[in-house]
Amino acid sequence: MHYLLSVIDDSANPGPADEPGAVEAFNDQLKKDGYWVFAGGLERLDASTVVDARSGETAITDGPFAETKEFLAGFWVIEAADLDVALELAAGGSRACHRKIEVRPFDGIA
C-alpha cells in the first residue's frame, strides 16, 4: 500500500540547523529499507499560485488557497505493508524534520 506522508510546517517554526542532514539520513534509510517511492520539499507559501477553472473561466491568484498558520511544506510517498508501518515511518520523519506529519493512504495508484 502507498502512503502520503505530508510535512505540516508552521510559519513560526524555522526548524533546527541540523534539519537538512537529518532529513537526508532519513531519506537514505527509507531507500535502504525499500520504503522509498518519492519525496519532495516545497517552496515557501509566497511562491504558490492558485488556478481555478471550475466555472469555465480560468482565475489565477498569487498565494496559498487558504490563509492559515500551518501549511504543506513537503512530502514523502512511501510503500509500506500497512498503516502501522507507515505511522512508524512517519514518526521517524517527524523526528528528522521537527514537524508534524499527516499520514494518508492512497486511493489506488494510477
N, C-alpha and C. Protein backbone atom coordinates (compact mmCIF):
# COMPACT_ATOMS: atom_id res chain seq x y z
N MET A 1 0.85 -1.16 0.00
CA MET A 1 0.00 0.00 0.00
C MET A 1 0.90 1.23 0.00
N HIS A 2 0.49 2.24 -0.75
CA HIS A 2 1.22 3.51 -0.80
C HIS A 2 0.59 4.51 0.17
N TYR A 3 1.45 5.32 0.80
CA TYR A 3 1.01 6.33 1.75
C TYR A 3 1.67 7.65 1.42
N LEU A 4 0.93 8.72 1.65
CA LEU A 4 1.46 10.07 1.55
C LEU A 4 1.76 10.55 2.96
N LEU A 5 3.01 10.90 3.21
CA LEU A 5 3.41 11.48 4.49
C LEU A 5 3.61 12.97 4.23
N SER A 6 2.67 13.78 4.67
CA SER A 6 2.71 15.23 4.44
C SER A 6 3.39 15.93 5.60
N VAL A 7 4.37 16.76 5.29
CA VAL A 7 5.08 17.54 6.30
C VAL A 7 4.29 18.82 6.54
N ILE A 8 3.80 18.99 7.76
CA ILE A 8 3.00 20.16 8.12
C ILE A 8 3.91 21.16 8.82
N ASP A 9 4.13 22.28 8.17
CA ASP A 9 5.01 23.31 8.71
C ASP A 9 4.18 24.37 9.42
N ASP A 10 4.85 25.17 10.19
CA ASP A 10 4.23 26.26 10.92
C ASP A 10 5.11 27.48 10.67
N SER A 11 4.51 28.57 10.24
CA SER A 11 5.30 29.76 9.90
C SER A 11 6.15 30.25 11.05
N ALA A 12 5.82 29.85 12.28
CA ALA A 12 6.61 30.26 13.44
C ALA A 12 7.73 29.27 13.75
N ASN A 13 7.87 28.20 12.96
CA ASN A 13 8.85 27.15 13.23
C ASN A 13 9.91 27.13 12.14
N PRO A 14 11.05 27.78 12.34
CA PRO A 14 12.07 27.78 11.30
C PRO A 14 12.81 26.45 11.17
N GLY A 15 12.69 25.57 12.15
CA GLY A 15 13.38 24.29 12.11
C GLY A 15 14.81 24.42 12.61
N PRO A 16 15.37 23.34 13.09
CA PRO A 16 16.73 23.36 13.63
C PRO A 16 17.79 23.40 12.53
N ALA A 17 18.97 23.80 12.89
CA ALA A 17 20.07 23.92 11.92
C ALA A 17 20.48 22.57 11.33
N ASP A 18 20.29 21.48 12.09
CA ASP A 18 20.71 20.15 11.61
C ASP A 18 19.64 19.45 10.78
N GLU A 19 18.53 20.13 10.50
CA GLU A 19 17.42 19.50 9.80
C GLU A 19 17.80 18.92 8.44
N PRO A 20 18.49 19.66 7.54
CA PRO A 20 18.79 19.08 6.22
C PRO A 20 19.54 17.76 6.31
N GLY A 21 20.51 17.66 7.17
CA GLY A 21 21.26 16.41 7.32
C GLY A 21 20.41 15.29 7.88
N ALA A 22 19.55 15.61 8.84
CA ALA A 22 18.69 14.60 9.43
C ALA A 22 17.67 14.08 8.42
N VAL A 23 17.12 14.96 7.61
CA VAL A 23 16.16 14.55 6.59
C VAL A 23 16.86 13.70 5.53
N GLU A 24 18.05 14.09 5.13
CA GLU A 24 18.80 13.30 4.15
C GLU A 24 19.09 11.90 4.69
N ALA A 25 19.45 11.80 5.95
CA ALA A 25 19.71 10.49 6.56
C ALA A 25 18.42 9.66 6.61
N PHE A 26 17.29 10.30 6.93
CA PHE A 26 16.01 9.60 6.95
C PHE A 26 15.67 9.10 5.55
N ASN A 27 15.86 9.96 4.54
CA ASN A 27 15.61 9.55 3.15
C ASN A 27 16.46 8.35 2.77
N ASP A 28 17.73 8.40 3.12
CA ASP A 28 18.65 7.29 2.81
C ASP A 28 18.18 5.99 3.46
N GLN A 29 17.67 6.09 4.70
CA GLN A 29 17.19 4.89 5.39
C GLN A 29 15.93 4.35 4.73
N LEU A 30 15.02 5.24 4.31
CA LEU A 30 13.83 4.78 3.59
C LEU A 30 14.23 4.03 2.32
N LYS A 31 15.20 4.55 1.59
CA LYS A 31 15.67 3.89 0.37
C LYS A 31 16.28 2.54 0.68
N LYS A 32 17.15 2.52 1.69
CA LYS A 32 17.84 1.28 2.06
C LYS A 32 16.86 0.19 2.46
N ASP A 33 15.81 0.59 3.19
CA ASP A 33 14.84 -0.38 3.70
C ASP A 33 13.72 -0.71 2.71
N GLY A 34 13.72 -0.07 1.53
CA GLY A 34 12.75 -0.40 0.49
C GLY A 34 11.40 0.28 0.61
N TYR A 35 11.29 1.34 1.43
CA TYR A 35 10.01 2.05 1.57
C TYR A 35 9.89 3.23 0.62
N TRP A 36 10.99 3.73 0.14
CA TRP A 36 11.05 4.96 -0.66
C TRP A 36 10.33 4.79 -1.99
N VAL A 37 9.46 5.76 -2.33
CA VAL A 37 8.89 5.86 -3.66
C VAL A 37 9.29 7.21 -4.25
N PHE A 38 9.01 8.30 -3.51
CA PHE A 38 9.30 9.64 -4.00
C PHE A 38 9.16 10.61 -2.83
N ALA A 39 9.87 11.72 -2.89
CA ALA A 39 9.73 12.75 -1.86
C ALA A 39 10.09 14.10 -2.45
N GLY A 40 9.65 15.15 -1.78
CA GLY A 40 9.99 16.49 -2.23
C GLY A 40 9.66 17.53 -1.19
N GLY A 41 10.45 18.58 -1.19
CA GLY A 41 10.17 19.73 -0.35
C GLY A 41 9.54 20.81 -1.22
N LEU A 42 8.75 21.65 -0.61
CA LEU A 42 8.05 22.71 -1.34
C LEU A 42 8.61 24.07 -0.95
N GLU A 43 8.56 25.00 -1.89
CA GLU A 43 8.97 26.38 -1.60
C GLU A 43 8.00 27.00 -0.60
N ARG A 44 8.36 28.14 -0.07
CA ARG A 44 7.54 28.84 0.91
C ARG A 44 6.19 29.23 0.28
N LEU A 45 5.24 29.58 1.12
CA LEU A 45 3.88 29.90 0.67
C LEU A 45 3.83 31.04 -0.34
N ASP A 46 4.71 32.03 -0.21
CA ASP A 46 4.65 33.17 -1.12
C ASP A 46 5.04 32.81 -2.55
N ALA A 47 5.50 31.58 -2.78
CA ALA A 47 5.83 31.12 -4.13
C ALA A 47 4.65 30.39 -4.78
N SER A 48 3.54 30.26 -4.07
CA SER A 48 2.42 29.48 -4.60
C SER A 48 1.48 30.32 -5.47
N THR A 49 0.81 29.63 -6.37
CA THR A 49 -0.19 30.23 -7.25
C THR A 49 -1.39 29.29 -7.27
N VAL A 50 -2.58 29.86 -7.21
CA VAL A 50 -3.81 29.07 -7.22
C VAL A 50 -4.50 29.26 -8.58
N VAL A 51 -4.86 28.16 -9.23
CA VAL A 51 -5.56 28.18 -10.51
C VAL A 51 -6.95 27.58 -10.28
N ASP A 52 -7.99 28.32 -10.67
CA ASP A 52 -9.37 27.84 -10.51
C ASP A 52 -10.10 28.01 -11.84
N ALA A 53 -10.37 26.88 -12.50
CA ALA A 53 -11.08 26.91 -13.79
C ALA A 53 -12.41 26.16 -13.71
N ARG A 54 -12.94 26.03 -12.51
CA ARG A 54 -14.18 25.27 -12.33
C ARG A 54 -15.36 25.88 -13.06
N SER A 55 -15.39 27.19 -13.22
CA SER A 55 -16.53 27.84 -13.86
C SER A 55 -16.40 27.90 -15.38
N GLY A 56 -15.28 27.42 -15.90
CA GLY A 56 -15.03 27.52 -17.33
C GLY A 56 -14.05 28.64 -17.64
N GLU A 57 -14.05 29.66 -16.82
CA GLU A 57 -13.06 30.75 -16.92
C GLU A 57 -11.91 30.41 -15.98
N THR A 58 -10.71 30.77 -16.37
CA THR A 58 -9.55 30.50 -15.54
C THR A 58 -9.19 31.72 -14.72
N ALA A 59 -9.18 31.55 -13.40
CA ALA A 59 -8.76 32.60 -12.48
C ALA A 59 -7.45 32.18 -11.85
N ILE A 60 -6.46 33.06 -11.89
CA ILE A 60 -5.15 32.76 -11.32
C ILE A 60 -4.85 33.82 -10.26
N THR A 61 -4.55 33.35 -9.05
CA THR A 61 -4.23 34.26 -7.96
C THR A 61 -2.93 33.85 -7.28
N ASP A 62 -2.21 34.83 -6.78
CA ASP A 62 -0.98 34.56 -6.05
C ASP A 62 -1.31 34.09 -4.64
N GLY A 63 -0.41 33.29 -4.11
CA GLY A 63 -0.52 32.91 -2.72
C GLY A 63 -1.29 31.63 -2.50
N PRO A 64 -1.32 31.20 -1.25
CA PRO A 64 -2.00 29.94 -0.93
C PRO A 64 -3.51 30.06 -1.07
N PHE A 65 -4.17 28.91 -1.20
CA PHE A 65 -5.63 28.91 -1.37
C PHE A 65 -6.34 29.27 -0.08
N ALA A 66 -5.67 29.16 1.06
CA ALA A 66 -6.28 29.50 2.35
C ALA A 66 -5.26 30.20 3.23
N GLU A 67 -5.72 31.16 3.97
CA GLU A 67 -4.86 31.82 4.95
C GLU A 67 -4.85 30.95 6.20
N THR A 68 -3.67 30.45 6.54
CA THR A 68 -3.56 29.55 7.67
C THR A 68 -2.17 29.64 8.26
N LYS A 69 -2.06 29.30 9.51
CA LYS A 69 -0.76 29.30 10.18
C LYS A 69 0.06 28.08 9.74
N GLU A 70 -0.61 26.96 9.51
CA GLU A 70 0.07 25.73 9.11
C GLU A 70 -0.11 25.51 7.62
N PHE A 71 0.89 24.87 7.00
CA PHE A 71 0.84 24.64 5.57
C PHE A 71 1.67 23.43 5.19
N LEU A 72 1.43 22.90 4.00
CA LEU A 72 2.18 21.77 3.48
C LEU A 72 3.56 22.24 3.05
N ALA A 73 4.59 21.67 3.65
CA ALA A 73 5.97 22.09 3.36
C ALA A 73 6.73 21.07 2.53
N GLY A 74 6.26 19.84 2.51
CA GLY A 74 6.94 18.79 1.76
C GLY A 74 6.20 17.49 1.97
N PHE A 75 6.75 16.42 1.41
CA PHE A 75 6.05 15.14 1.49
C PHE A 75 6.99 13.99 1.16
N TRP A 76 6.58 12.83 1.59
CA TRP A 76 7.16 11.56 1.16
C TRP A 76 6.02 10.71 0.63
N VAL A 77 6.27 9.96 -0.41
CA VAL A 77 5.38 8.89 -0.84
C VAL A 77 6.14 7.61 -0.54
N ILE A 78 5.55 6.77 0.28
CA ILE A 78 6.21 5.53 0.67
C ILE A 78 5.34 4.34 0.32
N GLU A 79 5.95 3.17 0.30
CA GLU A 79 5.21 1.92 0.15
C GLU A 79 5.47 1.12 1.42
N ALA A 80 4.41 0.83 2.15
CA ALA A 80 4.52 0.09 3.41
C ALA A 80 3.47 -1.00 3.45
N ALA A 81 3.73 -2.02 4.24
CA ALA A 81 2.83 -3.17 4.33
C ALA A 81 1.46 -2.79 4.88
N ASP A 82 1.43 -1.85 5.83
CA ASP A 82 0.16 -1.46 6.44
C ASP A 82 0.30 -0.11 7.13
N LEU A 83 -0.80 0.36 7.70
CA LEU A 83 -0.82 1.67 8.35
C LEU A 83 0.13 1.73 9.54
N ASP A 84 0.24 0.65 10.29
CA ASP A 84 1.15 0.66 11.45
C ASP A 84 2.59 0.94 11.03
N VAL A 85 3.02 0.33 9.96
CA VAL A 85 4.38 0.58 9.45
C VAL A 85 4.49 2.03 8.97
N ALA A 86 3.48 2.51 8.25
CA ALA A 86 3.50 3.90 7.77
C ALA A 86 3.58 4.89 8.92
N LEU A 87 2.85 4.62 10.00
CA LEU A 87 2.87 5.51 11.17
C LEU A 87 4.23 5.50 11.85
N GLU A 88 4.84 4.33 11.92
CA GLU A 88 6.19 4.24 12.50
C GLU A 88 7.19 5.03 11.66
N LEU A 89 7.08 4.91 10.34
CA LEU A 89 7.97 5.67 9.46
C LEU A 89 7.71 7.17 9.58
N ALA A 90 6.44 7.54 9.70
CA ALA A 90 6.10 8.96 9.86
C ALA A 90 6.71 9.53 11.13
N ALA A 91 6.75 8.74 12.19
CA ALA A 91 7.37 9.20 13.43
C ALA A 91 8.86 9.50 13.20
N GLY A 92 9.52 8.64 12.42
CA GLY A 92 10.92 8.90 12.08
C GLY A 92 11.07 10.16 11.26
N GLY A 93 10.16 10.39 10.32
CA GLY A 93 10.19 11.61 9.52
C GLY A 93 9.95 12.85 10.37
N SER A 94 9.04 12.74 11.31
CA SER A 94 8.74 13.87 12.21
C SER A 94 9.97 14.22 13.05
N ARG A 95 10.66 13.19 13.54
CA ARG A 95 11.88 13.45 14.31
C ARG A 95 12.95 14.10 13.43
N ALA A 96 13.06 13.66 12.18
CA ALA A 96 14.09 14.18 11.28
C ALA A 96 13.86 15.63 10.90
N CYS A 97 12.61 15.99 10.62
CA CYS A 97 12.34 17.35 10.14
C CYS A 97 11.76 18.27 11.21
N HIS A 98 11.51 17.72 12.41
CA HIS A 98 10.98 18.50 13.54
C HIS A 98 9.66 19.19 13.20
N ARG A 99 8.79 18.44 12.53
CA ARG A 99 7.48 18.95 12.16
C ARG A 99 6.45 17.83 12.28
N LYS A 100 5.18 18.20 12.29
CA LYS A 100 4.12 17.20 12.30
C LYS A 100 4.04 16.55 10.93
N ILE A 101 3.61 15.29 10.91
CA ILE A 101 3.44 14.54 9.66
C ILE A 101 2.01 14.00 9.62
N GLU A 102 1.30 14.28 8.53
CA GLU A 102 -0.02 13.69 8.30
C GLU A 102 0.17 12.47 7.42
N VAL A 103 -0.45 11.36 7.78
CA VAL A 103 -0.34 10.11 7.03
C VAL A 103 -1.68 9.80 6.39
N ARG A 104 -1.67 9.60 5.06
CA ARG A 104 -2.91 9.24 4.36
C ARG A 104 -2.60 8.16 3.33
N PRO A 105 -3.41 7.10 3.31
CA PRO A 105 -3.24 6.08 2.28
C PRO A 105 -3.74 6.60 0.94
N PHE A 106 -3.11 6.13 -0.12
CA PHE A 106 -3.58 6.47 -1.46
C PHE A 106 -4.83 5.66 -1.76
N ASP A 107 -5.71 6.24 -2.55
CA ASP A 107 -6.91 5.57 -3.01
C ASP A 107 -6.60 4.98 -4.39
N GLY A 108 -5.71 4.02 -4.40
CA GLY A 108 -5.26 3.44 -5.65
C GLY A 108 -4.14 4.26 -6.26
N ILE A 109 -3.40 3.67 -7.16
CA ILE A 109 -2.32 4.34 -7.87
C ILE A 109 -2.64 4.25 -9.36
N ALA A 110 -2.64 5.40 -10.01
CA ALA A 110 -2.95 5.44 -11.44
C ALA A 110 -1.70 5.21 -12.27
